[in-house]
Structure formats: structure tokens, C-alpha cells
Amino acid sequence: DAPPSIAPTFMQLDILGALKGGILNVVLVFFLVE
């Protein structure tokens, strides 16, 4: 079939929310493992 729309996830990231202190360790884990 034709591919579904990517609109529900495209450019939906929340960078400001991720910059909050509580998620610092999450960024660190992603970075180290990557």
C-alpha cells in the first residue's frame, strides 16, 4: 500500500523540554551509548 503519513512524528521533537535539568542523565545515556 502507499506509505502512511509521517506528519504525526515529523518535526514533533521538543528540544526545550529536553533541555530541562531532569532529563540531563537521559541525554548522557544516549550520548555515551551512541
ModelCIF file with pLDDT and N, C-alpha, C, O atoms, coordinates in Angstrom:
data_MODEL
#
_entry.id   MODEL 
#
_entity.id                         1 
_entity.type                       polymer 
_entity.pdbx_number_of_molecules   1 
#
_entity_poly.entity_id                      1 
_entity_poly.type                           'polypeptide(L)' 
_entity_poly.nstd_linkage                   no 
_entity_poly.nstd_monomer                   no 
_entity_poly.pdbx_seq_one_letter_code       DAPPSIAPTFMQLDILGALKGGILNVVLVFFLVE 
_entity_poly.pdbx_seq_one_letter_code_can   DAPPSIAPTFMQLDILGALKGGILNVVLVFFLVE 
_entity_poly.pdbx_strand_id                 A 
#
loop_
_entity_poly_seq.entity_id 
_entity_poly_seq.num 
_entity_poly_seq.mon_id 
_entity_poly_seq.hetero 
1 1  ASP n 
1 2  ALA n 
1 3  PRO n 
1 4  PRO n 
1 5  SER n 
1 6  ILE n 
1 7  ALA n 
1 8  PRO n 
1 9  THR n 
1 10 PHE n 
1 11 MET n 
1 12 GLN n 
1 13 LEU n 
1 14 ASP n 
1 15 ILE n 
1 16 LEU n 
1 17 GLY n 
1 18 ALA n 
1 19 LEU n 
1 20 LYS n 
1 21 GLY n 
1 22 GLY n 
1 23 ILE n 
1 24 LEU n 
1 25 ASN n 
1 26 VAL n 
1 27 VAL n 
1 28 LEU n 
1 29 VAL n 
1 30 PHE n 
1 31 PHE n 
1 32 LEU n 
1 33 VAL n 
1 34 GLU n 
#
_struct_asym.id          A 
_struct_asym.entity_id   1 
#
loop_
_ma_qa_metric.id 
_ma_qa_metric.mode 
_ma_qa_metric.name 
_ma_qa_metric.software_group_id 
_ma_qa_metric.type 
1 global pLDDT . pLDDT 
2 local  pLDDT . pLDDT 
#
_ma_qa_metric_global.metric_id      1 
_ma_qa_metric_global.metric_value   83.88 
_ma_qa_metric_global.model_id       1 
_ma_qa_metric_global.ordinal_id     1 
#
loop_
_ma_qa_metric_local.label_asym_id 
_ma_qa_metric_local.label_comp_id 
_ma_qa_metric_local.label_seq_id 
_ma_qa_metric_local.metric_id 
_ma_qa_metric_local.metric_value 
_ma_qa_metric_local.model_id 
_ma_qa_metric_local.ordinal_id 
A ASP 1  2 78.00 1 1  
A ALA 2  2 83.00 1 2  
A PRO 3  2 86.00 1 3  
A PRO 4  2 88.00 1 4  
A SER 5  2 91.00 1 5  
A ILE 6  2 93.00 1 6  
A ALA 7  2 93.00 1 7  
A PRO 8  2 94.00 1 8  
A THR 9  2 94.00 1 9  
A PHE 10 2 93.00 1 10 
A MET 11 2 93.00 1 11 
A GLN 12 2 92.00 1 12 
A LEU 13 2 92.00 1 13 
A ASP 14 2 90.00 1 14 
A ILE 15 2 89.00 1 15 
A LEU 16 2 87.00 1 16 
A GLY 17 2 86.00 1 17 
A ALA 18 2 85.00 1 18 
A LEU 19 2 84.00 1 19 
A LYS 20 2 75.00 1 20 
A GLY 21 2 59.00 1 21 
A GLY 22 2 65.00 1 22 
A ILE 23 2 74.00 1 23 
A LEU 24 2 76.00 1 24 
A ASN 25 2 76.00 1 25 
A VAL 26 2 83.00 1 26 
A VAL 27 2 86.00 1 27 
A LEU 28 2 81.00 1 28 
A VAL 29 2 80.00 1 29 
A PHE 30 2 86.00 1 30 
A PHE 31 2 85.00 1 31 
A LEU 32 2 78.00 1 32 
A VAL 33 2 77.00 1 33 
A GLU 34 2 80.00 1 34 
#
loop_
_atom_site.group_PDB 
_atom_site.id 
_atom_site.type_symbol 
_atom_site.label_atom_id 
_atom_site.label_alt_id 
_atom_site.label_comp_id 
_atom_site.label_asym_id 
_atom_site.label_entity_id 
_atom_site.label_seq_id 
_atom_site.pdbx_PDB_ins_code 
_atom_site.Cartn_x 
_atom_site.Cartn_y 
_atom_site.Cartn_z 
_atom_site.occupancy 
_atom_site.B_iso_or_equiv 
_atom_site.pdbx_formal_charge 
_atom_site.auth_seq_id 
_atom_site.auth_comp_id 
_atom_site.auth_asym_id 
_atom_site.auth_atom_id 
_atom_site.pdbx_PDB_model_num 
ATOM 1   N N  . ASP A 1 1  ? 0.860  -1.177 0.000  1.00 78.00 ? 1  ASP A N  1 
ATOM 2   C CA . ASP A 1 1  ? 0.000  0.000  0.000  1.00 78.00 ? 1  ASP A CA 1 
ATOM 3   C C  . ASP A 1 1  ? 0.901  1.233  0.000  1.00 78.00 ? 1  ASP A C  1 
ATOM 4   O O  . ASP A 1 1  ? 2.109  1.135  0.212  1.00 78.00 ? 1  ASP A O  1 
ATOM 5   N N  . ALA A 1 2  ? 0.298  2.382  -0.239 1.00 83.00 ? 2  ALA A N  1 
ATOM 6   C CA . ALA A 1 2  ? 1.070  3.621  -0.160 1.00 83.00 ? 2  ALA A CA 1 
ATOM 7   C C  . ALA A 1 2  ? 1.541  3.824  1.278  1.00 83.00 ? 2  ALA A C  1 
ATOM 8   O O  . ALA A 1 2  ? 0.826  3.450  2.208  1.00 83.00 ? 2  ALA A O  1 
ATOM 9   N N  . PRO A 1 3  ? 2.714  4.399  1.485  1.00 86.00 ? 3  PRO A N  1 
ATOM 10  C CA . PRO A 1 3  ? 3.219  4.586  2.846  1.00 86.00 ? 3  PRO A CA 1 
ATOM 11  C C  . PRO A 1 3  ? 2.306  5.501  3.665  1.00 86.00 ? 3  PRO A C  1 
ATOM 12  O O  . PRO A 1 3  ? 1.694  6.419  3.119  1.00 86.00 ? 3  PRO A O  1 
ATOM 13  N N  . PRO A 1 4  ? 2.215  5.250  4.974  1.00 88.00 ? 4  PRO A N  1 
ATOM 14  C CA . PRO A 1 4  ? 1.435  6.148  5.843  1.00 88.00 ? 4  PRO A CA 1 
ATOM 15  C C  . PRO A 1 4  ? 2.070  7.529  5.886  1.00 88.00 ? 4  PRO A C  1 
ATOM 16  O O  . PRO A 1 4  ? 3.209  7.706  5.454  1.00 88.00 ? 4  PRO A O  1 
ATOM 17  N N  . SER A 1 5  ? 1.349  8.491  6.397  1.00 91.00 ? 5  SER A N  1 
ATOM 18  C CA . SER A 1 5  ? 1.886  9.844  6.539  1.00 91.00 ? 5  SER A CA 1 
ATOM 19  C C  . SER A 1 5  ? 2.886  9.892  7.690  1.00 91.00 ? 5  SER A C  1 
ATOM 20  O O  . SER A 1 5  ? 2.679  9.283  8.740  1.00 91.00 ? 5  SER A O  1 
ATOM 21  N N  . ILE A 1 6  ? 3.960  10.619 7.471  1.00 93.00 ? 6  ILE A N  1 
ATOM 22  C CA . ILE A 1 6  ? 4.964  10.800 8.519  1.00 93.00 ? 6  ILE A CA 1 
ATOM 23  C C  . ILE A 1 6  ? 4.674  12.050 9.344  1.00 93.00 ? 6  ILE A C  1 
ATOM 24  O O  . ILE A 1 6  ? 5.389  12.346 10.300 1.00 93.00 ? 6  ILE A O  1 
ATOM 25  N N  . ALA A 1 7  ? 3.637  12.772 8.977  1.00 93.00 ? 7  ALA A N  1 
ATOM 26  C CA . ALA A 1 7  ? 3.308  14.042 9.641  1.00 93.00 ? 7  ALA A CA 1 
ATOM 27  C C  . ALA A 1 7  ? 3.160  13.935 11.159 1.00 93.00 ? 7  ALA A C  1 
ATOM 28  O O  . ALA A 1 7  ? 3.580  14.854 11.863 1.00 93.00 ? 7  ALA A O  1 
ATOM 29  N N  . PRO A 1 8  ? 2.570  12.831 11.711 1.00 94.00 ? 8  PRO A N  1 
ATOM 30  C CA . PRO A 1 8  ? 2.399  12.765 13.169 1.00 94.00 ? 8  PRO A CA 1 
ATOM 31  C C  . PRO A 1 8  ? 3.698  12.795 13.964 1.00 94.00 ? 8  PRO A C  1 
ATOM 32  O O  . PRO A 1 8  ? 3.681  13.139 15.146 1.00 94.00 ? 8  PRO A O  1 
ATOM 33  N N  . THR A 1 9  ? 4.822  12.445 13.347 1.00 94.00 ? 9  THR A N  1 
ATOM 34  C CA . THR A 1 9  ? 6.098  12.448 14.075 1.00 94.00 ? 9  THR A CA 1 
ATOM 35  C C  . THR A 1 9  ? 7.113  13.422 13.500 1.00 94.00 ? 9  THR A C  1 
ATOM 36  O O  . THR A 1 9  ? 8.081  13.764 14.180 1.00 94.00 ? 9  THR A O  1 
ATOM 37  N N  . PHE A 1 10 ? 6.921  13.875 12.274 1.00 93.00 ? 10 PHE A N  1 
ATOM 38  C CA . PHE A 1 10 ? 7.904  14.737 11.620 1.00 93.00 ? 10 PHE A CA 1 
ATOM 39  C C  . PHE A 1 10 ? 7.989  16.097 12.306 1.00 93.00 ? 10 PHE A C  1 
ATOM 40  O O  . PHE A 1 10 ? 6.986  16.801 12.424 1.00 93.00 ? 10 PHE A O  1 
ATOM 41  N N  . MET A 1 11 ? 9.180  16.465 12.757 1.00 93.00 ? 11 MET A N  1 
ATOM 42  C CA . MET A 1 11 ? 9.456  17.750 13.410 1.00 93.00 ? 11 MET A CA 1 
ATOM 43  C C  . MET A 1 11 ? 8.618  17.950 14.672 1.00 93.00 ? 11 MET A C  1 
ATOM 44  O O  . MET A 1 11 ? 8.272  19.078 15.023 1.00 93.00 ? 11 MET A O  1 
ATOM 45  N N  . GLN A 1 12 ? 8.299  16.860 15.342 1.00 92.00 ? 12 GLN A N  1 
ATOM 46  C CA . GLN A 1 12 ? 7.497  16.939 16.562 1.00 92.00 ? 12 GLN A CA 1 
ATOM 47  C C  . GLN A 1 12 ? 8.346  16.912 17.830 1.00 92.00 ? 12 GLN A C  1 
ATOM 48  O O  . GLN A 1 12 ? 7.802  16.897 18.935 1.00 92.00 ? 12 GLN A O  1 
ATOM 49  N N  . LEU A 1 13 ? 9.657  16.905 17.689 1.00 92.00 ? 13 LEU A N  1 
ATOM 50  C CA . LEU A 1 13 ? 10.537 16.848 18.857 1.00 92.00 ? 13 LEU A CA 1 
ATOM 51  C C  . LEU A 1 13 ? 10.432 18.127 19.690 1.00 92.00 ? 13 LEU A C  1 
ATOM 52  O O  . LEU A 1 13 ? 10.197 19.216 19.167 1.00 92.00 ? 13 LEU A O  1 
ATOM 53  N N  . ASP A 1 14 ? 10.613 17.959 21.003 1.00 90.00 ? 14 ASP A N  1 
ATOM 54  C CA . ASP A 1 14 ? 10.543 19.085 21.940 1.00 90.00 ? 14 ASP A CA 1 
ATOM 55  C C  . ASP A 1 14 ? 11.941 19.303 22.528 1.00 90.00 ? 14 ASP A C  1 
ATOM 56  O O  . ASP A 1 14 ? 12.287 18.714 23.552 1.00 90.00 ? 14 ASP A O  1 
ATOM 57  N N  . ILE A 1 15 ? 12.732 20.145 21.880 1.00 89.00 ? 15 ILE A N  1 
ATOM 58  C CA . ILE A 1 15 ? 14.113 20.374 22.306 1.00 89.00 ? 15 ILE A CA 1 
ATOM 59  C C  . ILE A 1 15 ? 14.156 21.150 23.614 1.00 89.00 ? 15 ILE A C  1 
ATOM 60  O O  . ILE A 1 15 ? 14.977 20.849 24.480 1.00 89.00 ? 15 ILE A O  1 
ATOM 61  N N  . LEU A 1 16 ? 13.290 22.140 23.772 1.00 87.00 ? 16 LEU A N  1 
ATOM 62  C CA . LEU A 1 16 ? 13.270 22.934 25.005 1.00 87.00 ? 16 LEU A CA 1 
ATOM 63  C C  . LEU A 1 16 ? 12.933 22.060 26.213 1.00 87.00 ? 16 LEU A C  1 
ATOM 64  O O  . LEU A 1 16 ? 13.530 22.207 27.279 1.00 87.00 ? 16 LEU A O  1 
ATOM 65  N N  . GLY A 1 17 ? 11.984 21.159 26.040 1.00 86.00 ? 17 GLY A N  1 
ATOM 66  C CA . GLY A 1 17 ? 11.637 20.247 27.127 1.00 86.00 ? 17 GLY A CA 1 
ATOM 67  C C  . GLY A 1 17 ? 12.798 19.342 27.499 1.00 86.00 ? 17 GLY A C  1 
ATOM 68  O O  . GLY A 1 17 ? 12.976 18.992 28.665 1.00 86.00 ? 17 GLY A O  1 
ATOM 69  N N  . ALA A 1 18 ? 13.592 18.963 26.491 1.00 85.00 ? 18 ALA A N  1 
ATOM 70  C CA . ALA A 1 18 ? 14.734 18.078 26.733 1.00 85.00 ? 18 ALA A CA 1 
ATOM 71  C C  . ALA A 1 18 ? 15.897 18.801 27.398 1.00 85.00 ? 18 ALA A C  1 
ATOM 72  O O  . ALA A 1 18 ? 16.791 18.157 27.947 1.00 85.00 ? 18 ALA A O  1 
ATOM 73  N N  . LEU A 1 19 ? 15.896 20.123 27.357 1.00 84.00 ? 19 LEU A N  1 
ATOM 74  C CA . LEU A 1 19 ? 16.982 20.890 27.964 1.00 84.00 ? 19 LEU A CA 1 
ATOM 75  C C  . LEU A 1 19 ? 16.796 21.086 29.463 1.00 84.00 ? 19 LEU A C  1 
ATOM 76  O O  . LEU A 1 19 ? 17.675 21.635 30.128 1.00 84.00 ? 19 LEU A O  1 
ATOM 77  N N  . LYS A 1 20 ? 15.678 20.649 29.995 1.00 75.00 ? 20 LYS A N  1 
ATOM 78  C CA . LYS A 1 20 ? 15.441 20.783 31.427 1.00 75.00 ? 20 LYS A CA 1 
ATOM 79  C C  . LYS A 1 20 ? 16.388 19.865 32.200 1.00 75.00 ? 20 LYS A C  1 
ATOM 80  O O  . LYS A 1 20 ? 16.786 18.813 31.700 1.00 75.00 ? 20 LYS A O  1 
ATOM 81  N N  . GLY A 1 21 ? 16.737 20.257 33.391 1.00 59.00 ? 21 GLY A N  1 
ATOM 82  C CA . GLY A 1 21 ? 17.733 19.537 34.181 1.00 59.00 ? 21 GLY A CA 1 
ATOM 83  C C  . GLY A 1 21 ? 17.381 18.093 34.463 1.00 59.00 ? 21 GLY A C  1 
ATOM 84  O O  . GLY A 1 21 ? 18.271 17.247 34.552 1.00 59.00 ? 21 GLY A O  1 
ATOM 85  N N  . GLY A 1 22 ? 16.088 17.791 34.607 1.00 65.00 ? 22 GLY A N  1 
ATOM 86  C CA . GLY A 1 22 ? 15.684 16.446 34.967 1.00 65.00 ? 22 GLY A CA 1 
ATOM 87  C C  . GLY A 1 22 ? 15.997 15.392 33.925 1.00 65.00 ? 22 GLY A C  1 
ATOM 88  O O  . GLY A 1 22 ? 16.032 14.202 34.235 1.00 65.00 ? 22 GLY A O  1 
ATOM 89  N N  . ILE A 1 23 ? 16.222 15.814 32.705 1.00 74.00 ? 23 ILE A N  1 
ATOM 90  C CA . ILE A 1 23 ? 16.461 14.838 31.638 1.00 74.00 ? 23 ILE A CA 1 
ATOM 91  C C  . ILE A 1 23 ? 17.934 14.828 31.218 1.00 74.00 ? 23 ILE A C  1 
ATOM 92  O O  . ILE A 1 23 ? 18.287 14.229 30.202 1.00 74.00 ? 23 ILE A O  1 
ATOM 93  N N  . LEU A 1 24 ? 18.778 15.480 31.989 1.00 76.00 ? 24 LEU A N  1 
ATOM 94  C CA . LEU A 1 24 ? 20.202 15.531 31.673 1.00 76.00 ? 24 LEU A CA 1 
ATOM 95  C C  . LEU A 1 24 ? 20.807 14.143 31.582 1.00 76.00 ? 24 LEU A C  1 
ATOM 96  O O  . LEU A 1 24 ? 21.586 13.857 30.673 1.00 76.00 ? 24 LEU A O  1 
ATOM 97  N N  . ASN A 1 25 ? 20.447 13.273 32.533 1.00 76.00 ? 25 ASN A N  1 
ATOM 98  C CA . ASN A 1 25 ? 21.031 11.927 32.516 1.00 76.00 ? 25 ASN A CA 1 
ATOM 99  C C  . ASN A 1 25 ? 20.560 11.130 31.309 1.00 76.00 ? 25 ASN A C  1 
ATOM 100 O O  . ASN A 1 25 ? 21.278 10.252 30.831 1.00 76.00 ? 25 ASN A O  1 
ATOM 101 N N  . VAL A 1 26 ? 19.366 11.424 30.812 1.00 83.00 ? 26 VAL A N  1 
ATOM 102 C CA . VAL A 1 26 ? 18.867 10.746 29.616 1.00 83.00 ? 26 VAL A CA 1 
ATOM 103 C C  . VAL A 1 26 ? 19.742 11.094 28.413 1.00 83.00 ? 26 VAL A C  1 
ATOM 104 O O  . VAL A 1 26 ? 20.145 10.216 27.650 1.00 83.00 ? 26 VAL A O  1 
ATOM 105 N N  . VAL A 1 27 ? 20.028 12.383 28.258 1.00 86.00 ? 27 VAL A N  1 
ATOM 106 C CA . VAL A 1 27 ? 20.906 12.820 27.173 1.00 86.00 ? 27 VAL A CA 1 
ATOM 107 C C  . VAL A 1 27 ? 22.280 12.167 27.313 1.00 86.00 ? 27 VAL A C  1 
ATOM 108 O O  . VAL A 1 27 ? 22.870 11.739 26.321 1.00 86.00 ? 27 VAL A O  1 
ATOM 109 N N  . LEU A 1 28 ? 22.790 12.089 28.549 1.00 81.00 ? 28 LEU A N  1 
ATOM 110 C CA . LEU A 1 28 ? 24.101 11.484 28.783 1.00 81.00 ? 28 LEU A CA 1 
ATOM 111 C C  . LEU A 1 28 ? 24.115 10.018 28.394 1.00 81.00 ? 28 LEU A C  1 
ATOM 112 O O  . LEU A 1 28 ? 25.074 9.541  27.788 1.00 81.00 ? 28 LEU A O  1 
ATOM 113 N N  . VAL A 1 29 ? 23.050 9.301  28.741 1.00 80.00 ? 29 VAL A N  1 
ATOM 114 C CA . VAL A 1 29 ? 22.973 7.878  28.373 1.00 80.00 ? 29 VAL A CA 1 
ATOM 115 C C  . VAL A 1 29 ? 22.946 7.716  26.856 1.00 80.00 ? 29 VAL A C  1 
ATOM 116 O O  . VAL A 1 29 ? 23.702 6.921  26.298 1.00 80.00 ? 29 VAL A O  1 
ATOM 117 N N  . PHE A 1 30 ? 22.075 8.468  26.196 1.00 86.00 ? 30 PHE A N  1 
ATOM 118 C CA . PHE A 1 30 ? 22.022 8.400  24.736 1.00 86.00 ? 30 PHE A CA 1 
ATOM 119 C C  . PHE A 1 30 ? 23.407 8.666  24.143 1.00 86.00 ? 30 PHE A C  1 
ATOM 120 O O  . PHE A 1 30 ? 23.866 7.930  23.269 1.00 86.00 ? 30 PHE A O  1 
ATOM 121 N N  . PHE A 1 31 ? 24.058 9.708  24.617 1.00 85.00 ? 31 PHE A N  1 
ATOM 122 C CA . PHE A 1 31 ? 25.352 10.109 24.068 1.00 85.00 ? 31 PHE A CA 1 
ATOM 123 C C  . PHE A 1 31 ? 26.419 9.033  24.274 1.00 85.00 ? 31 PHE A C  1 
ATOM 124 O O  . PHE A 1 31 ? 27.122 8.668  23.332 1.00 85.00 ? 31 PHE A O  1 
ATOM 125 N N  . LEU A 1 32 ? 26.541 8.525  25.502 1.00 78.00 ? 32 LEU A N  1 
ATOM 126 C CA . LEU A 1 32 ? 27.581 7.536  25.798 1.00 78.00 ? 32 LEU A CA 1 
ATOM 127 C C  . LEU A 1 32 ? 27.371 6.257  25.006 1.00 78.00 ? 32 LEU A C  1 
ATOM 128 O O  . LEU A 1 32 ? 28.312 5.714  24.427 1.00 78.00 ? 32 LEU A O  1 
ATOM 129 N N  . VAL A 1 33 ? 26.127 5.776  24.983 1.00 77.00 ? 33 VAL A N  1 
ATOM 130 C CA . VAL A 1 33 ? 25.855 4.524  24.277 1.00 77.00 ? 33 VAL A CA 1 
ATOM 131 C C  . VAL A 1 33 ? 26.068 4.699  22.771 1.00 77.00 ? 33 VAL A C  1 
ATOM 132 O O  . VAL A 1 33 ? 26.642 3.829  22.116 1.00 77.00 ? 33 VAL A O  1 
ATOM 133 N N  . GLU A 1 34 ? 25.602 5.826  22.227 1.00 80.00 ? 34 GLU A N  1 
ATOM 134 C CA . GLU A 1 34 ? 25.820 6.097  20.801 1.00 80.00 ? 34 GLU A CA 1 
ATOM 135 C C  . GLU A 1 34 ? 27.311 6.142  20.480 1.00 80.00 ? 34 GLU A C  1 
ATOM 136 O O  . GLU A 1 34 ? 27.689 6.359  19.329 1.00 80.00 ? 34 GLU A O  1 
#
